[in-house]
């Protein structure tokens, strides 16, 4: 892999940029690999990368039925934070946030990570109590957050309206080192690094069946032929239940569409991320000037990747009270992503009833921010059979009642 640098850019400029190699290879699949990962989104690629980097496992195929990063990795609103209440959640999200800070340098690829800070608004007395509690929990977990008052919120977000008639801003949970990154670049950076280690990324390769022998995974059937493997990882977000059925077990989750939109570009007016759970919306401004706006998930199960008028209307109407400026903006585009929700709104990173088969799913509305930490933990689980980052998120917790209840922190906003 040729390293990107100012010198390389200058050299290729003199060659009319004709000497750049492909960022990653696109081979035809081989008959057998040590590990097959289904899903070439952020979680699948990160798992492959850390398998190679941390454990030297590089005979890996990453299968993608569409194009690389074309699922939820390319359909989210890029928020990165780790101010979760439960210890297991805070640990994996903080691991992820800390990895994001140096990931551009590590991958030699600009992920456009921007630690601009994240505010979770408190607009009811109940939220004030809840966020104060979270701030105390974060202090014990080693996650740096603080509860701030309305004056500090206004200082950080000058365009905000503190005195809304229904929901005035009473304060907020502030994480200064939270922020955003470019979602596509995260997938591309990991893909480039995986390909450089000799791993094979196979696009337009749909898994049609999962083969097993004597209770252990034997391989997968695809539209490009059968592929044998010793270990199999499923990282397909909203389609996790479909793949699990092929492997002969069920997952305790449901798939729904999560919608978002961006406005026309405007001059810089907001340099932090603001999340408002009470009015059910969140907003940030992209580097291109677009206001990135999102809200909750659909109230019914579906597999659509389209937006709908009524949901966008509901989200924007709720945010206009807190951010009057957006009432004058035109919508540029909207989209949907298929998210998989568990009962406790926490992910599943676990072994499965099929030996040699592992699953990474159930991230619901918070998958993007967790990509590096998720990949780190899954790689350790697959290589060693155990990882402190994934212990709390096993399938067994649903049978044993060990829920990681983040329904308030993760089930509403991102």
Protein backbone atom coordinates (compact mmCIF):
# COMPACT_ATOMS: atom_id res chain seq x y z
CA UNK A 1 0.00 0.00 0.00
CA UNK A 2 1.42 3.36 -0.99
CA UNK A 3 1.30 5.81 1.90
CA UNK A 4 -0.54 9.06 1.42
CA UNK A 5 1.56 12.13 2.16
CA UNK A 6 2.18 15.67 0.96
CA UNK A 7 5.23 14.40 -0.94
CA UNK A 8 3.16 11.68 -2.66
CA UNK A 9 0.51 14.21 -3.69
CA UNK A 10 3.15 16.52 -5.15
CA UNK A 11 4.81 13.65 -7.01
CA UNK A 12 1.54 12.41 -8.49
CA UNK A 13 0.56 15.95 -9.48
CA UNK A 14 3.60 16.01 -11.75
CA UNK A 15 2.37 12.70 -13.25
CA UNK A 16 -1.19 14.01 -13.76
CA UNK A 17 -2.28 11.66 -10.95
CA UNK A 18 -1.91 8.58 -13.15
CA UNK A 19 0.22 6.60 -10.69
CA UNK A 20 -2.22 6.08 -7.82
CA UNK A 21 -2.96 2.38 -7.19
CA UNK A 22 -6.42 1.08 -6.26
CA UNK A 23 -7.25 1.73 -2.62
CA UNK A 24 -8.24 -1.92 -2.13
CA UNK A 25 -8.32 -5.03 -4.29
CA UNK A 26 -11.55 -6.60 -5.60
CA UNK A 27 -10.71 -10.29 -6.11
CA UNK A 28 -12.92 -13.25 -6.84
CA UNK A 29 -13.49 -15.41 -3.74
CA UNK A 30 -11.26 -18.38 -2.99
CA UNK A 31 -12.63 -21.74 -1.89
CA UNK A 32 -11.50 -21.47 1.72
CA UNK A 33 -10.50 -18.91 4.37
CA UNK A 34 -9.70 -19.14 8.06
CA UNK A 35 -12.32 -16.48 8.81
CA UNK A 36 -15.29 -15.20 6.81
CA UNK A 37 -16.95 -11.97 7.89
CA UNK A 38 -20.35 -11.20 6.38
CA UNK A 39 -20.87 -7.46 6.04
CA UNK A 40 -18.34 -4.95 4.67
CA UNK A 41 -19.60 -2.04 6.71
CA UNK A 42 -17.72 -0.37 9.54
CA UNK A 43 -18.18 -3.18 12.08
CA UNK A 44 -17.20 -5.99 9.71
CA UNK A 45 -14.16 -4.15 8.37
CA UNK A 46 -13.02 -3.06 11.83
CA UNK A 47 -13.29 -6.65 13.09
CA UNK A 48 -11.16 -7.84 10.17
CA UNK A 49 -8.61 -5.07 10.69
CA UNK A 50 -8.08 -5.81 14.39
CA UNK A 51 -7.94 -9.57 13.72
CA UNK A 52 -4.94 -8.82 11.53
CA UNK A 53 -3.38 -6.03 13.55
CA UNK A 54 -3.78 -7.49 17.04
CA UNK A 55 -3.70 -11.24 16.38
CA UNK A 56 -1.99 -11.77 13.01
CA UNK A 57 -5.05 -13.47 11.46
CA UNK A 58 -5.06 -12.31 7.84
CA UNK A 59 -6.54 -15.21 5.84
CA UNK A 60 -9.87 -13.40 5.99
CA UNK A 61 -12.67 -12.71 3.52
CA UNK A 62 -15.14 -9.88 4.04
CA UNK A 63 -18.31 -10.50 2.01
CA UNK A 64 -20.69 -7.72 1.02
CA UNK A 65 -23.91 -8.28 -0.92
CA UNK A 66 -23.90 -4.68 -2.15
CA UNK A 67 -21.07 -2.21 -2.21
CA UNK A 68 -18.56 -1.48 0.53
CA UNK A 69 -20.04 0.79 3.20
CA UNK A 70 -23.39 0.95 1.40
CA UNK A 71 -25.47 -0.05 4.42
CA UNK A 72 -25.82 1.81 7.71
CA UNK A 73 -22.18 2.95 7.64
CA UNK A 74 -23.07 5.24 4.76
CA UNK A 75 -26.54 6.14 6.10
CA UNK A 76 -26.01 7.63 9.54
CA UNK A 77 -25.42 11.04 11.08
CA UNK A 78 -21.82 10.41 12.23
CA UNK A 79 -22.17 11.27 15.93
CA UNK A 80 -19.42 9.98 18.25
CA UNK A 81 -19.87 9.99 22.03
CA UNK A 82 -19.35 7.72 25.03
CA UNK A 83 -21.50 9.32 27.77
CA UNK A 84 -23.55 6.21 28.49
CA UNK A 85 -24.92 5.23 31.87
CA UNK A 86 -24.16 1.52 32.17
CA UNK A 87 -20.57 0.41 32.79
CA UNK A 88 -20.44 -2.06 29.90
CA UNK A 89 -21.75 0.55 27.45
CA UNK A 90 -19.41 3.29 28.65
CA UNK A 91 -16.42 0.95 28.37
CA UNK A 92 -16.94 -0.06 24.73
CA UNK A 93 -18.02 3.39 23.55
CA UNK A 94 -15.12 5.12 25.32
CA UNK A 95 -12.71 2.60 23.82
CA UNK A 96 -14.20 3.47 20.45
CA UNK A 97 -14.04 7.23 20.99
CA UNK A 98 -10.41 7.04 22.09
CA UNK A 99 -9.49 4.93 19.04
CA UNK A 100 -11.20 7.44 16.74
CA UNK A 101 -8.89 10.18 18.00
CA UNK A 102 -5.79 8.65 16.39
CA UNK A 103 -7.40 6.44 13.74
CA UNK A 104 -6.60 8.77 10.82
CA UNK A 105 -2.89 8.56 11.62
CA UNK A 106 -3.03 4.81 12.24
CA UNK A 107 -4.80 4.03 8.97
CA UNK A 108 -2.99 6.76 6.98
CA UNK A 109 -6.39 7.93 5.81
CA UNK A 110 -8.17 11.16 6.74
CA UNK A 111 -11.37 10.19 8.56
CA UNK A 112 -12.16 13.89 9.19
CA UNK A 113 -12.58 13.19 12.91
CA UNK A 114 -13.81 16.38 14.57
CA UNK A 115 -13.91 16.37 18.42
CA UNK A 116 -16.25 19.36 18.45
CA UNK A 117 -18.20 18.25 21.51
CA UNK A 118 -21.67 16.81 22.11
CA UNK A 119 -24.45 18.32 24.24
CA UNK A 120 -27.45 16.25 25.32
CA UNK A 121 -30.08 18.82 26.25
CA UNK A 122 -32.07 18.54 29.48
CA UNK A 123 -35.52 20.03 28.80
CA UNK A 124 -37.46 18.53 31.74
CA UNK A 125 -36.66 18.17 35.42
CA UNK A 126 -36.56 14.42 34.93
CA UNK A 127 -33.84 14.80 32.31
CA UNK A 128 -31.88 17.10 34.60
CA UNK A 129 -31.84 14.39 37.28
CA UNK A 130 -31.02 11.69 34.73
CA UNK A 131 -28.10 13.55 33.17
CA UNK A 132 -26.67 14.50 36.55
CA UNK A 133 -26.76 10.83 37.43
CA UNK A 134 -25.04 9.95 34.14
CA UNK A 135 -22.34 12.56 34.78
CA UNK A 136 -21.60 10.98 38.19
CA UNK A 137 -21.55 7.49 36.62
CA UNK A 138 -19.20 8.71 33.88
CA UNK A 139 -16.83 10.13 36.51
CA UNK A 140 -16.59 6.69 38.11
CA UNK A 141 -16.09 5.09 34.67
CA UNK A 142 -13.28 7.44 33.68
CA UNK A 143 -15.37 9.12 30.97
CA UNK A 144 -14.98 12.90 31.06
CA UNK A 145 -18.39 14.60 30.97
CA UNK A 146 -20.09 17.36 32.94
CA UNK A 147 -23.55 18.76 33.51
CA UNK A 148 -23.75 22.38 32.39
CA UNK A 149 -26.38 25.08 32.91
CA UNK A 150 -28.44 26.98 30.33
CA UNK A 151 -25.99 29.90 30.16
CA UNK A 152 -23.14 27.59 29.19
CA UNK A 153 -25.38 25.86 26.63
CA UNK A 154 -26.16 29.25 25.04
CA UNK A 155 -22.46 30.10 25.00
CA UNK A 156 -21.69 26.87 23.13
CA UNK A 157 -24.73 27.08 20.81
CA UNK A 158 -25.62 30.73 20.13
CA UNK A 159 -28.47 29.82 17.73
CA UNK A 160 -30.40 27.88 20.38
CA UNK A 161 -33.64 29.14 21.92
CA UNK A 162 -33.48 28.54 25.67
CA UNK A 163 -37.04 29.62 26.48
CA UNK A 164 -39.21 27.43 24.30
CA UNK A 165 -42.87 27.60 25.35
CA UNK A 166 -43.16 23.82 25.77
CA UNK A 167 -39.65 22.64 26.57
CA UNK A 168 -37.19 25.27 27.85
CA UNK A 169 -33.52 24.29 28.02
CA UNK A 170 -32.63 23.61 31.66
CA UNK A 171 -29.05 22.46 31.02
CA UNK A 172 -27.24 19.65 29.30
CA UNK A 173 -24.77 16.79 29.55
CA UNK A 174 -21.60 18.03 27.84
CA UNK A 175 -18.85 15.77 26.47
CA UNK A 176 -16.14 18.01 25.08
CA UNK A 177 -14.24 15.19 23.34
CA UNK A 178 -17.26 13.80 21.53
CA UNK A 179 -17.88 14.84 17.94
CA UNK A 180 -18.21 13.54 14.41
CA UNK A 181 -16.26 11.79 11.64
CA UNK A 182 -16.82 11.18 7.93
CA UNK A 183 -18.79 7.91 7.75
CA UNK A 184 -17.64 6.83 4.27
CA UNK A 185 -14.01 7.52 5.10
CA UNK A 186 -14.15 5.21 8.13
CA UNK A 187 -15.16 2.29 5.89
CA UNK A 188 -12.67 3.25 3.18
CA UNK A 189 -9.78 3.62 5.63
CA UNK A 190 -10.38 0.24 7.24
CA UNK A 191 -10.88 -1.40 3.82
CA UNK A 192 -7.59 -0.03 2.53
CA UNK A 193 -5.74 -1.29 5.60
CA UNK A 194 -7.38 -4.73 5.44
CA UNK A 195 -6.53 -5.12 1.77
CA UNK A 196 -2.93 -4.16 2.48
CA UNK A 197 -2.72 -7.02 5.02
CA UNK A 198 -3.81 -9.50 2.33
CA UNK A 199 -7.46 -9.79 3.33
CA UNK A 200 -9.99 -10.06 0.52
CA UNK A 201 -13.01 -7.76 0.26
CA UNK A 202 -15.58 -9.33 -2.04
CA UNK A 203 -18.44 -7.08 -3.12
CA UNK A 204 -21.70 -8.04 -4.83
CA UNK A 205 -21.42 -11.37 -2.99
CA UNK A 206 -24.66 -12.31 -1.26
CA UNK A 207 -24.76 -15.09 1.32
CA UNK A 208 -27.60 -17.48 0.51
CA UNK A 209 -26.94 -20.16 3.11
CA UNK A 210 -24.77 -21.14 6.07
CA UNK A 211 -23.41 -24.68 6.15
CA UNK A 212 -22.63 -26.59 9.32
CA UNK A 213 -21.26 -29.97 10.28
CA UNK A 214 -21.58 -31.66 13.67
CA UNK A 215 -22.86 -28.46 15.27
CA UNK A 216 -19.97 -26.34 13.96
CA UNK A 217 -19.89 -23.85 11.13
CA UNK A 218 -18.40 -25.25 7.93
CA UNK A 219 -18.85 -22.38 5.48
CA UNK A 220 -21.29 -20.24 3.54
CA UNK A 221 -23.04 -20.52 0.21
CA UNK A 222 -23.03 -17.37 -1.92
CA UNK A 223 -24.10 -16.22 -5.36
CA UNK A 224 -20.41 -16.55 -6.26
CA UNK A 225 -20.12 -20.13 -5.05
CA UNK A 226 -19.49 -21.95 -1.76
CA UNK A 227 -16.81 -20.72 0.64
CA UNK A 228 -15.46 -22.83 3.50
CA UNK A 229 -14.20 -21.35 6.77
CA UNK A 230 -13.29 -22.23 10.33
CA UNK A 231 -14.90 -19.17 11.88
CA UNK A 232 -17.78 -17.01 10.71
CA UNK A 233 -18.81 -13.52 11.89
CA UNK A 234 -22.14 -11.91 11.06
CA UNK A 235 -22.05 -8.10 11.04
CA UNK A 236 -25.03 -7.16 8.87
CA UNK A 237 -27.02 -4.78 11.11
CA UNK A 238 -30.71 -4.85 10.17
CA UNK A 239 -30.42 -8.16 8.33
CA UNK A 240 -28.91 -10.01 11.31
CA UNK A 241 -32.14 -11.95 11.93
CA UNK A 242 -32.16 -13.17 8.31
CA UNK A 243 -28.60 -14.52 8.54
CA UNK A 244 -29.22 -16.01 11.98
CA UNK A 245 -32.16 -17.97 10.57
CA UNK A 246 -29.82 -19.41 7.93
CA UNK A 247 -27.54 -20.57 10.77
CA UNK A 248 -30.44 -22.18 12.62
CA UNK A 249 -31.01 -19.86 15.58
CA UNK A 250 -33.09 -16.77 16.41
CA UNK A 251 -31.98 -13.37 17.69
CA UNK A 252 -34.00 -11.24 20.16
CA UNK A 253 -34.22 -8.17 17.95
CA UNK A 254 -36.40 -6.40 15.41
CA UNK A 255 -35.50 -4.34 12.34
CA UNK A 256 -36.86 -0.86 11.69
CA UNK A 257 -35.95 2.13 9.52
CA UNK A 258 -34.18 5.10 11.07
CA UNK A 259 -34.55 8.34 9.12
CA UNK A 260 -32.48 11.49 8.76
CA UNK A 261 -32.02 14.45 6.43
CA UNK A 262 -29.67 17.30 5.56
CA UNK A 263 -30.53 20.87 4.68
CA UNK A 264 -29.13 23.08 1.97
CA UNK A 265 -25.63 24.35 2.85
CA UNK A 266 -25.42 27.57 4.88
CA UNK A 267 -22.64 29.57 6.49
CA UNK A 268 -21.17 28.15 9.75
CA UNK A 269 -23.58 28.70 12.63
CA UNK A 270 -23.14 25.69 14.95
CA UNK A 271 -19.86 23.96 15.76
CA UNK A 272 -21.08 21.38 18.29
CA UNK A 273 -23.48 18.42 18.13
CA UNK A 274 -26.79 18.94 19.95
CA UNK A 275 -29.14 16.13 20.90
CA UNK A 276 -32.63 16.79 22.24
CA UNK A 277 -34.35 13.67 23.50
CA UNK A 278 -37.50 15.36 24.76
CA UNK A 279 -38.42 16.82 21.36
CA UNK A 280 -36.94 13.74 19.71
CA UNK A 281 -34.26 15.14 17.45
CA UNK A 282 -30.59 16.00 17.08
CA UNK A 283 -28.56 18.27 14.84
CA UNK A 284 -25.03 19.17 13.78
CA UNK A 285 -23.49 21.10 10.89
CA UNK A 286 -21.36 19.30 8.34
CA UNK A 287 -18.10 20.59 6.90
CA UNK A 288 -20.03 21.48 3.73
CA UNK A 289 -22.43 23.66 5.72
CA UNK A 290 -25.43 21.32 5.68
CA UNK A 291 -27.49 20.99 8.85
CA UNK A 292 -27.56 17.24 9.57
CA UNK A 293 -30.87 16.45 11.25
CA UNK A 294 -32.21 13.18 12.59
CA UNK A 295 -34.78 11.78 14.93
CA UNK A 296 -36.20 8.46 16.00
CA UNK A 297 -36.88 5.18 14.29
CA UNK A 298 -40.10 4.14 12.60
CA UNK A 299 -42.76 2.71 14.87
CA UNK A 300 -43.20 -0.45 12.84
CA UNK A 301 -40.91 -3.21 11.57
CA UNK A 302 -39.58 -2.73 8.04
CA UNK A 303 -36.53 -3.07 5.81
CA UNK A 304 -36.82 0.16 3.83
CA UNK A 305 -33.90 2.54 3.22
CA UNK A 306 -36.12 5.43 2.16
CA UNK A 307 -37.32 8.43 4.12
CA UNK A 308 -40.97 9.37 4.60
CA UNK A 309 -42.60 12.80 4.71
CA UNK A 310 -44.53 12.37 7.94
CA UNK A 311 -41.45 11.32 9.92
CA UNK A 312 -39.32 14.18 8.63
CA UNK A 313 -42.15 16.62 9.35
CA UNK A 314 -42.41 15.36 12.91
CA UNK A 315 -38.67 15.67 13.55
CA UNK A 316 -38.25 19.12 12.02
CA UNK A 317 -41.39 20.48 13.70
CA UNK A 318 -40.01 19.37 17.07
CA UNK A 319 -36.60 20.98 16.48
CA UNK A 320 -37.91 24.31 15.15
CA UNK A 321 -38.93 25.37 18.65
CA UNK A 322 -35.39 24.87 19.96
CA UNK A 323 -33.64 26.05 16.77
CA UNK A 324 -35.87 28.64 15.08
CA UNK A 325 -33.23 29.26 12.38
CA UNK A 326 -34.00 25.96 10.64
CA UNK A 327 -37.57 27.01 9.81
CA UNK A 328 -36.18 28.98 6.86
CA UNK A 329 -34.06 26.15 5.40
CA UNK A 330 -34.81 23.91 2.44
CA UNK A 331 -34.27 20.16 2.70
CA UNK A 332 -31.54 18.88 0.38
CA UNK A 333 -32.01 15.12 0.78
CA UNK A 334 -33.32 12.49 3.17
CA UNK A 335 -32.64 8.80 3.68
CA UNK A 336 -33.25 5.79 5.90
CA UNK A 337 -31.10 3.03 7.35
CA UNK A 338 -32.17 -0.39 8.62
CA UNK A 339 -31.34 -0.68 12.32
CA UNK A 340 -31.73 -3.72 14.55
CA UNK A 341 -33.17 -3.09 18.02
CA UNK A 342 -32.83 -5.35 21.05
CA UNK A 343 -35.16 -5.22 24.04
CA UNK A 344 -32.64 -3.43 26.25
CA UNK A 345 -31.38 -1.20 23.41
CA UNK A 346 -27.85 -2.55 23.78
CA UNK A 347 -25.85 -4.55 21.23
CA UNK A 348 -25.11 -8.25 20.92
CA UNK A 349 -21.44 -9.20 20.53
CA UNK A 350 -21.40 -12.88 21.20
CA UNK A 351 -20.78 -16.50 20.41
CA UNK A 352 -23.89 -18.23 19.09
CA UNK A 353 -25.49 -21.68 19.44
CA UNK A 354 -23.60 -22.63 16.26
CA UNK A 355 -19.97 -23.27 17.24
CA UNK A 356 -17.51 -21.09 15.36
CA UNK A 357 -20.20 -18.57 14.48
CA UNK A 358 -20.13 -15.11 16.08
CA UNK A 359 -22.60 -12.24 15.82
CA UNK A 360 -22.19 -8.48 16.02
CA UNK A 361 -25.61 -6.80 15.90
CA UNK A 362 -28.29 -4.96 17.85
CA UNK A 363 -26.57 -1.56 17.81
CA UNK A 364 -29.88 0.07 17.06
CA UNK A 365 -29.39 3.80 16.60
CA UNK A 366 -25.80 3.96 17.89
CA UNK A 367 -23.71 1.80 15.58
CA UNK A 368 -21.41 4.33 13.92
CA UNK A 369 -19.87 5.71 17.09
CA UNK A 370 -18.96 2.20 18.25
CA UNK A 371 -17.15 0.95 15.14
CA UNK A 372 -13.50 0.87 16.36
CA UNK A 373 -14.38 -0.43 19.84
CA UNK A 374 -16.76 -3.01 18.42
CA UNK A 375 -14.14 -4.26 15.97
CA UNK A 376 -11.50 -4.42 18.72
CA UNK A 377 -13.76 -6.44 21.03
CA UNK A 378 -15.09 -8.76 18.33
CA UNK A 379 -11.59 -9.53 17.07
CA UNK A 380 -10.50 -10.43 20.60
CA UNK A 381 -13.61 -12.56 21.13
CA UNK A 382 -13.05 -14.46 17.87
CA UNK A 383 -9.31 -14.94 18.40
CA UNK A 384 -9.27 -15.75 22.12
CA UNK A 385 -12.86 -16.78 22.89
CA UNK A 386 -13.25 -13.96 25.40
CA UNK A 387 -13.05 -10.16 25.54
CA UNK A 388 -13.71 -7.80 28.47
CA UNK A 389 -15.35 -5.38 26.04
CA UNK A 390 -17.95 -7.92 24.90
CA UNK A 391 -18.63 -9.87 28.12
CA UNK A 392 -21.68 -7.81 29.04
CA UNK A 393 -23.23 -8.09 25.58
CA UNK A 394 -23.52 -11.85 25.14
CA UNK A 395 -26.70 -13.60 24.02
CA UNK A 396 -26.88 -15.31 27.41
CA UNK A 397 -27.96 -12.07 29.10
CA UNK A 398 -31.46 -12.34 27.65
CA UNK A 399 -31.93 -15.81 29.12
CA UNK A 400 -30.36 -14.87 32.45
CA UNK A 401 -31.96 -11.43 32.83
CA UNK A 402 -28.65 -9.50 32.83
CA UNK A 403 -29.96 -6.65 30.69
CA UNK A 404 -27.77 -3.66 29.83
CA UNK A 405 -30.61 -1.17 29.93
CA UNK A 406 -29.73 1.84 27.79
CA UNK A 407 -33.27 2.46 26.58
CA UNK A 408 -33.11 6.12 27.58
CA UNK A 409 -29.51 6.79 26.56
CA UNK A 410 -29.52 4.85 23.30
CA UNK A 411 -33.11 4.12 22.36
CA UNK A 412 -34.18 7.67 21.57
CA UNK A 413 -31.36 9.82 20.22
CA UNK A 414 -27.92 8.95 18.96
